[in-house]
């Protein structure tokens, strides 16, 4: 899954799927590295979205103070 156009909810859902697969030992050692990389990319995407959302909310609230 490409994280470029993935929203926060989709990223979290995919992270949960990856964790479930790993927890159930459904992942072979060859696939594990790919899933860990995908999970890291999804986490980065979530952080970016959260930071952007925080900035947007702060800007909106700042406008109320004036």
PDB file of N, CA and C in Angstrom:
ATOM      1  N   UNK A   1       0.837  -1.177   0.000  1.00  0.00           N
ATOM      2  CA  UNK A   1       0.000   0.000   0.000  1.00  0.00           C
ATOM      3  C   UNK A   1       0.884   1.242   0.000  1.00  0.00           C
ATOM      4  N   UNK A   2       0.623   2.142  -0.904  1.00  0.00           N
ATOM      5  CA  UNK A   2       1.349   3.405  -0.947  1.00  0.00           C
ATOM      6  C   UNK A   2       0.730   4.360   0.062  1.00  0.00           C
ATOM      7  N   UNK A   3       1.579   5.005   0.857  1.00  0.00           N
ATOM      8  CA  UNK A   3       1.058   5.906   1.880  1.00  0.00           C
ATOM      9  C   UNK A   3       0.836   7.324   1.360  1.00  0.00           C
ATOM     10  N   UNK A   4       1.235   7.600   0.140  1.00  0.00           N
ATOM     11  CA  UNK A   4       1.159   8.956  -0.401  1.00  0.00           C
ATOM     12  C   UNK A   4      -0.256   9.528  -0.353  1.00  0.00           C
ATOM     13  N   UNK A   5      -1.249   8.765  -0.702  1.00  0.00           N
ATOM     14  CA  UNK A   5      -2.631   9.251  -0.734  1.00  0.00           C
ATOM     15  C   UNK A   5      -3.507   8.538   0.292  1.00  0.00           C
ATOM     16  N   UNK A   6      -2.900   8.095   1.378  1.00  0.00           N
ATOM     17  CA  UNK A   6      -3.630   7.359   2.393  1.00  0.00           C
ATOM     18  C   UNK A   6      -4.003   8.287   3.535  1.00  0.00           C
ATOM     19  N   UNK A   7      -5.275   8.274   3.918  1.00  0.00           N
ATOM     20  CA  UNK A   7      -5.674   9.127   5.021  1.00  0.00           C
ATOM     21  C   UNK A   7      -5.347   8.456   6.355  1.00  0.00           C
ATOM     22  N   UNK A   8      -5.575   9.178   7.430  1.00  0.00           N
ATOM     23  CA  UNK A   8      -5.205   8.694   8.767  1.00  0.00           C
ATOM     24  C   UNK A   8      -5.912   7.376   9.101  1.00  0.00           C
ATOM     25  N   UNK A   9      -7.201   7.322   8.881  1.00  0.00           N
ATOM     26  CA  UNK A   9      -7.974   6.113   9.218  1.00  0.00           C
ATOM     27  C   UNK A   9      -7.503   4.895   8.430  1.00  0.00           C
ATOM     28  N   UNK A  10      -7.225   5.099   7.155  1.00  0.00           N
ATOM     29  CA  UNK A  10      -6.730   3.997   6.332  1.00  0.00           C
ATOM     30  C   UNK A  10      -5.367   3.521   6.829  1.00  0.00           C
ATOM     31  N   UNK A  11      -4.523   4.466   7.211  1.00  0.00           N
ATOM     32  CA  UNK A  11      -3.193   4.106   7.702  1.00  0.00           C
ATOM     33  C   UNK A  11      -3.284   3.308   8.993  1.00  0.00           C
ATOM     34  N   UNK A  12      -4.132   3.752   9.906  1.00  0.00           N
ATOM     35  CA  UNK A  12      -4.288   3.045  11.181  1.00  0.00           C
ATOM     36  C   UNK A  12      -4.865   1.649  10.942  1.00  0.00           C
ATOM     37  N   UNK A  13      -5.831   1.555  10.050  1.00  0.00           N
ATOM     38  CA  UNK A  13      -6.424   0.249   9.743  1.00  0.00           C
ATOM     39  C   UNK A  13      -5.367  -0.711   9.195  1.00  0.00           C
ATOM     40  N   UNK A  14      -4.549  -0.223   8.285  1.00  0.00           N
ATOM     41  CA  UNK A  14      -3.503  -1.078   7.706  1.00  0.00           C
ATOM     42  C   UNK A  14      -2.474  -1.463   8.765  1.00  0.00           C
ATOM     43  N   UNK A  15      -2.124  -0.526   9.649  1.00  0.00           N
ATOM     44  CA  UNK A  15      -1.200  -0.849  10.744  1.00  0.00           C
ATOM     45  C   UNK A  15      -1.771  -1.967  11.616  1.00  0.00           C
ATOM     46  N   UNK A  16      -3.051  -1.894  11.917  1.00  0.00           N
ATOM     47  CA  UNK A  16      -3.701  -2.939  12.712  1.00  0.00           C
ATOM     48  C   UNK A  16      -3.650  -4.287  12.002  1.00  0.00           C
ATOM     49  N   UNK A  17      -3.864  -4.278  10.688  1.00  0.00           N
ATOM     50  CA  UNK A  17      -3.787  -5.521   9.912  1.00  0.00           C
ATOM     51  C   UNK A  17      -2.386  -6.117   9.973  1.00  0.00           C
ATOM     52  N   UNK A  18      -1.386  -5.264   9.842  1.00  0.00           N
ATOM     53  CA  UNK A  18       0.009  -5.732   9.888  1.00  0.00           C
ATOM     54  C   UNK A  18       0.303  -6.334  11.257  1.00  0.00           C
ATOM     55  N   UNK A  19      -0.092  -5.636  12.315  1.00  0.00           N
ATOM     56  CA  UNK A  19       0.148  -6.142  13.666  1.00  0.00           C
ATOM     57  C   UNK A  19      -0.558  -7.465  13.918  1.00  0.00           C
ATOM     58  N   UNK A  20      -1.782  -7.591  13.441  1.00  0.00           N
ATOM     59  CA  UNK A  20      -2.516  -8.845  13.597  1.00  0.00           C
ATOM     60  C   UNK A  20      -1.802  -9.989  12.890  1.00  0.00           C
ATOM     61  N   UNK A  21      -1.316  -9.732  11.689  1.00  0.00           N
ATOM     62  CA  UNK A  21      -0.596 -10.770  10.932  1.00  0.00           C
ATOM     63  C   UNK A  21       0.659 -11.210  11.673  1.00  0.00           C
ATOM     64  N   UNK A  22       1.375 -10.239  12.204  1.00  0.00           N
ATOM     65  CA  UNK A  22       2.608 -10.559  12.927  1.00  0.00           C
ATOM     66  C   UNK A  22       2.270 -11.309  14.218  1.00  0.00           C
ATOM     67  N   UNK A  23       1.235 -10.861  14.931  1.00  0.00           N
ATOM     68  CA  UNK A  23       0.827 -11.517  16.178  1.00  0.00           C
ATOM     69  C   UNK A  23       0.382 -12.954  15.963  1.00  0.00           C
ATOM     70  N   UNK A  24      -0.239 -13.214  14.828  1.00  0.00           N
ATOM     71  CA  UNK A  24      -0.715 -14.574  14.526  1.00  0.00           C
ATOM     72  C   UNK A  24       0.380 -15.451  13.903  1.00  0.00           C
ATOM     73  N   UNK A  25       1.550 -14.886  13.750  1.00  0.00           N
ATOM     74  CA  UNK A  25       2.669 -15.593  13.107  1.00  0.00           C
ATOM     75  C   UNK A  25       2.321 -16.024  11.685  1.00  0.00           C
ATOM     76  N   UNK A  26       1.479 -15.217  11.003  1.00  0.00           N
ATOM     77  CA  UNK A  26       1.101 -15.502   9.617  1.00  0.00           C
ATOM     78  C   UNK A  26       2.124 -14.971   8.621  1.00  0.00           C
ATOM     79  N   UNK A  27       3.203 -14.414   9.124  1.00  0.00           N
ATOM     80  CA  UNK A  27       4.172 -13.739   8.274  1.00  0.00           C
ATOM     81  C   UNK A  27       5.470 -14.537   8.265  1.00  0.00           C
ATOM     82  N   UNK A  28       5.938 -14.828   7.074  1.00  0.00           N
ATOM     83  CA  UNK A  28       7.229 -15.477   6.941  1.00  0.00           C
ATOM     84  C   UNK A  28       8.349 -14.474   7.145  1.00  0.00           C
ATOM     85  N   UNK A  29       9.497 -14.975   7.434  1.00  0.00           N
ATOM     86  CA  UNK A  29      10.637 -14.106   7.709  1.00  0.00           C
ATOM     87  C   UNK A  29      10.962 -13.217   6.509  1.00  0.00           C
ATOM     88  N   UNK A  30      10.738 -13.719   5.317  1.00  0.00           N
ATOM     89  CA  UNK A  30      11.009 -12.936   4.109  1.00  0.00           C
ATOM     90  C   UNK A  30      10.055 -11.754   3.974  1.00  0.00           C
ATOM     91  N   UNK A  31       8.833 -11.943   4.404  1.00  0.00           N
ATOM     92  CA  UNK A  31       7.828 -10.891   4.297  1.00  0.00           C
ATOM     93  C   UNK A  31       7.909  -9.912   5.471  1.00  0.00           C
ATOM     94  N   UNK A  32       8.483 -10.341   6.583  1.00  0.00           N
ATOM     95  CA  UNK A  32       8.525  -9.514   7.788  1.00  0.00           C
ATOM     96  C   UNK A  32       9.206  -8.164   7.564  1.00  0.00           C
ATOM     97  N   UNK A  33      10.343  -8.161   6.905  1.00  0.00           N
ATOM     98  CA  UNK A  33      11.066  -6.906   6.665  1.00  0.00           C
ATOM     99  C   UNK A  33      10.220  -5.937   5.841  1.00  0.00           C
ATOM    100  N   UNK A  34       9.532  -6.449   4.840  1.00  0.00           N
ATOM    101  CA  UNK A  34       8.668  -5.591   4.011  1.00  0.00           C
ATOM    102  C   UNK A  34       7.519  -4.999   4.834  1.00  0.00           C
ATOM    103  N   UNK A  35       6.930  -5.822   5.715  1.00  0.00           N
ATOM    104  CA  UNK A  35       5.833  -5.332   6.537  1.00  0.00           C
ATOM    105  C   UNK A  35       6.299  -4.309   7.554  1.00  0.00           C
ATOM    106  N   UNK A  36       7.472  -4.506   8.118  1.00  0.00           N
ATOM    107  CA  UNK A  36       8.014  -3.536   9.070  1.00  0.00           C
ATOM    108  C   UNK A  36       8.282  -2.207   8.369  1.00  0.00           C
ATOM    109  N   UNK A  37       8.816  -2.257   7.157  1.00  0.00           N
ATOM    110  CA  UNK A  37       9.052  -1.029   6.396  1.00  0.00           C
ATOM    111  C   UNK A  37       7.727  -0.335   6.079  1.00  0.00           C
ATOM    112  N   UNK A  38       6.738  -1.109   5.665  1.00  0.00           N
ATOM    113  CA  UNK A  38       5.429  -0.527   5.373  1.00  0.00           C
ATOM    114  C   UNK A  38       4.833   0.105   6.631  1.00  0.00           C
ATOM    115  N   UNK A  39       4.953  -0.579   7.763  1.00  0.00           N
ATOM    116  CA  UNK A  39       4.436  -0.043   9.021  1.00  0.00           C
ATOM    117  C   UNK A  39       5.140   1.262   9.378  1.00  0.00           C
ATOM    118  N   UNK A  40       6.444   1.312   9.203  1.00  0.00           N
ATOM    119  CA  UNK A  40       7.200   2.539   9.501  1.00  0.00           C
ATOM    120  C   UNK A  40       6.725   3.685   8.613  1.00  0.00           C
ATOM    121  N   UNK A  41       6.487   3.401   7.335  1.00  0.00           N
ATOM    122  CA  UNK A  41       5.983   4.430   6.409  1.00  0.00           C
ATOM    123  C   UNK A  41       4.591   4.906   6.827  1.00  0.00           C
ATOM    124  N   UNK A  42       3.752   3.973   7.260  1.00  0.00           N
ATOM    125  CA  UNK A  42       2.404   4.332   7.707  1.00  0.00           C
ATOM    126  C   UNK A  42       2.452   5.195   8.962  1.00  0.00           C
ATOM    127  N   UNK A  43       3.344   4.869   9.872  1.00  0.00           N
ATOM    128  CA  UNK A  43       3.492   5.661  11.097  1.00  0.00           C
ATOM    129  C   UNK A  43       3.960   7.073  10.752  1.00  0.00           C
ATOM    130  N   UNK A  44       4.907   7.188   9.842  1.00  0.00           N
ATOM    131  CA  UNK A  44       5.363   8.511   9.399  1.00  0.00           C
ATOM    132  C   UNK A  44       4.205   9.295   8.798  1.00  0.00           C
ATOM    133  N   UNK A  45       3.395   8.629   7.993  1.00  0.00           N
ATOM    134  CA  UNK A  45       2.237   9.271   7.373  1.00  0.00           C
ATOM    135  C   UNK A  45       1.266   9.771   8.442  1.00  0.00           C
ATOM    136  N   UNK A  46       1.011   8.945   9.445  1.00  0.00           N
ATOM    137  CA  UNK A  46       0.109   9.342  10.530  1.00  0.00           C
ATOM    138  C   UNK A  46       0.660  10.555  11.274  1.00  0.00           C
ATOM    139  N   UNK A  47       1.957  10.556  11.554  1.00  0.00           N
ATOM    140  CA  UNK A  47       2.569  11.688  12.248  1.00  0.00           C
ATOM    141  C   UNK A  47       2.434  12.969  11.428  1.00  0.00           C
ATOM    142  N   UNK A  48       2.646  12.865  10.135  1.00  0.00           N
ATOM    143  CA  UNK A  48       2.527  14.027   9.252  1.00  0.00           C
ATOM    144  C   UNK A  48       1.104  14.569   9.270  1.00  0.00           C
ATOM    145  N   UNK A  49       0.144  13.679   9.185  1.00  0.00           N
ATOM    146  CA  UNK A  49      -1.265  14.092   9.198  1.00  0.00           C
ATOM    147  C   UNK A  49      -1.609  14.741  10.534  1.00  0.00           C
ATOM    148  N   UNK A  50      -1.153  14.150  11.633  1.00  0.00           N
ATOM    149  CA  UNK A  50      -1.440  14.706  12.955  1.00  0.00           C
ATOM    150  C   UNK A  50      -0.834  16.098  13.126  1.00  0.00           C
ATOM    151  N   UNK A  51       0.405  16.274  12.665  1.00  0.00           N
ATOM    152  CA  UNK A  51       1.050  17.586  12.763  1.00  0.00           C
ATOM    153  C   UNK A  51       0.292  18.619  11.946  1.00  0.00           C
ATOM    154  N   UNK A  52      -0.099  18.244  10.743  1.00  0.00           N
ATOM    155  CA  UNK A  52      -0.838  19.149   9.870  1.00  0.00           C
ATOM    156  C   UNK A  52      -2.183  19.527  10.492  1.00  0.00           C
ATOM    157  N   UNK A  53      -2.847  18.542  11.046  1.00  0.00           N
ATOM    158  CA  UNK A  53      -4.141  18.785  11.681  1.00  0.00           C
ATOM    159  C   UNK A  53      -3.983  19.691  12.897  1.00  0.00           C
ATOM    160  N   UNK A  54      -2.947  19.448  13.692  1.00  0.00           N
ATOM    161  CA  UNK A  54      -2.688  20.282  14.862  1.00  0.00           C
ATOM    162  C   UNK A  54      -2.458  21.739  14.451  1.00  0.00           C
ATOM    163  N   UNK A  55      -1.663  21.947  13.415  1.00  0.00           N
ATOM    164  CA  UNK A  55      -1.403  23.308  12.939  1.00  0.00           C
ATOM    165  C   UNK A  55      -2.683  23.976  12.456  1.00  0.00           C
ATOM    166  N   UNK A  56      -3.489  23.228  11.747  1.00  0.00           N
ATOM    167  CA  UNK A  56      -4.746  23.769  11.230  1.00  0.00           C
ATOM    168  C   UNK A  56      -5.682  24.162  12.372  1.00  0.00           C
ATOM    169  N   UNK A  57      -5.770  23.309  13.380  1.00  0.00           N
ATOM    170  CA  UNK A  57      -6.634  23.603  14.525  1.00  0.00           C
ATOM    171  C   UNK A  57      -6.115  24.829  15.274  1.00  0.00           C
ATOM    172  N   UNK A  58      -4.801  24.893  15.474  1.00  0.00           N
ATOM    173  CA  UNK A  58      -4.219  26.041  16.165  1.00  0.00           C
ATOM    174  C   UNK A  58      -4.488  27.341  15.409  1.00  0.00           C
ATOM    175  N   UNK A  59      -4.372  27.305  14.091  1.00  0.00           N
ATOM    176  CA  UNK A  59      -4.647  28.494  13.285  1.00  0.00           C
ATOM    177  C   UNK A  59      -6.118  28.901  13.402  1.00  0.00           C
ATOM    178  N   UNK A  60      -6.993  27.932  13.413  1.00  0.00           N
ATOM    179  CA  UNK A  60      -8.423  28.223  13.553  1.00  0.00           C
ATOM    180  C   UNK A  60      -8.713  28.847  14.909  1.00  0.00           C
ATOM    181  N   UNK A  61      -8.130  28.286  15.946  1.00  0.00           N
ATOM    182  CA  UNK A  61      -8.354  28.806  17.291  1.00  0.00           C
ATOM    183  C   UNK A  61      -7.727  30.185  17.482  1.00  0.00           C
ATOM    184  N   UNK A  62      -6.596  30.392  16.811  1.00  0.00           N
ATOM    185  CA  UNK A  62      -5.931  31.687  16.881  1.00  0.00           C
ATOM    186  C   UNK A  62      -6.837  32.776  16.325  1.00  0.00           C
ATOM    187  N   UNK A  63      -7.546  32.447  15.291  1.00  0.00           N
ATOM    188  CA  UNK A  63      -8.474  33.393  14.688  1.00  0.00           C
ATOM    189  C   UNK A  63      -9.609  33.767  15.629  1.00  0.00           C
ATOM    190  N   UNK A  64      -9.954  32.905  16.545  1.00  0.00           N
ATOM    191  CA  UNK A  64     -11.015  33.196  17.505  1.00  0.00           C
ATOM    192  C   UNK A  64     -10.548  34.150  18.595  1.00  0.00           C
ATOM    193  N   UNK A  65      -9.256  34.167  18.860  1.00  0.00           N
ATOM    194  CA  UNK A  65      -8.708  34.995  19.918  1.00  0.00           C
ATOM    195  C   UNK A  65      -8.642  36.465  19.504  1.00  0.00           C
ATOM    196  N   UNK A  66      -8.617  36.732  18.246  1.00  0.00           N
ATOM    197  CA  UNK A  66      -8.467  38.118  17.759  1.00  0.00           C
ATOM    198  C   UNK A  66      -9.744  38.881  17.795  1.00  0.00           C
TER     199      UNK A  66
END
